[in-house]
Amino acid sequence: MLEIIKAGGWLMLPILACSIIAIGIIIERFWFLRRQRVVPKHIASQIWQWQYRNQLDKIHIKSVRESSPLGRILAAGLVNRNRSREIMKESIEDVGRHVTLELERFLNTLGTIAAITPLLGLLGTVIGMIKVFTVITAQGVDNPAVLAGGISEALITTAAGLAVAIPSLMFYRYFHGKVMRLVVDMEEQAIKLVEVMHGDRELDPIDNPAARVSVESSLKSDVEHHEYTPGPT
């Protein structure tokens, strides 16, 4: 590997640096953009339980805010739940913009690496071919070792640039799509929060603590009735 880097010339150094940065970004984004971390499933149902029990105080809202990026968005709405619908939406949108920027962090850098590494490889190709033609002009074609060195430099830098650019572009597209899906999920939860808090929408039975308790009580009564009802003699 070291011999290949040496053969590629000095342009291999920025290409190698780009590859290290890209690997770091990919690992960090995989960890940061985990769905369970960004959009945990339990947070909405927990909010509805607190709302049903009249326990949505500052301490619970703070715990929501610190739980996840989605929690920060929902907490902004909960703080303003007693204000007008427009103020509640504006506070959610303001925090949502900051959360979206955090989700997209480093993606521009990854996209830039995907764009510039092929150009660095192309620059290495041009420099290598210039060396080849310089040798041909000065010495003719009688020194194949020097010619081979220039051609090798040209090919190695091109291959190295593409080897970094291709996976960088793939992961850039993957993370960009994942961020968009997460943002859509958070928007749906935020819209649901606003509509429920202002009485424009009913909770789904699965999210409604009162409905869930009613269903559980009904099922329990049915089971007890089935157990204790004497059968036909």
Foldseek 3Di string as FASTA:
>chain_A
DVVLLVLLPPLSVVLVVLLVLLVVVLVVLVVQLDCCQAPNPCLLLVVLVCVVVVNPDPVVLVCLCPRHLLSVLVSQLSVCLVPDLVNSVVSSVVSLVVSLCVLCPCLVVLLVLLVCQLVSLQVQLVQLVVQLVVCCVVPNCPDVVSNVSSNSNNVSSNVSSNVRNVVSVVSSVVSVVSSVVSSVVSVVSSVVSSCVSVVNDDDDLVSNPVSVVVVVVVVVVVVVCVVPPDDDD
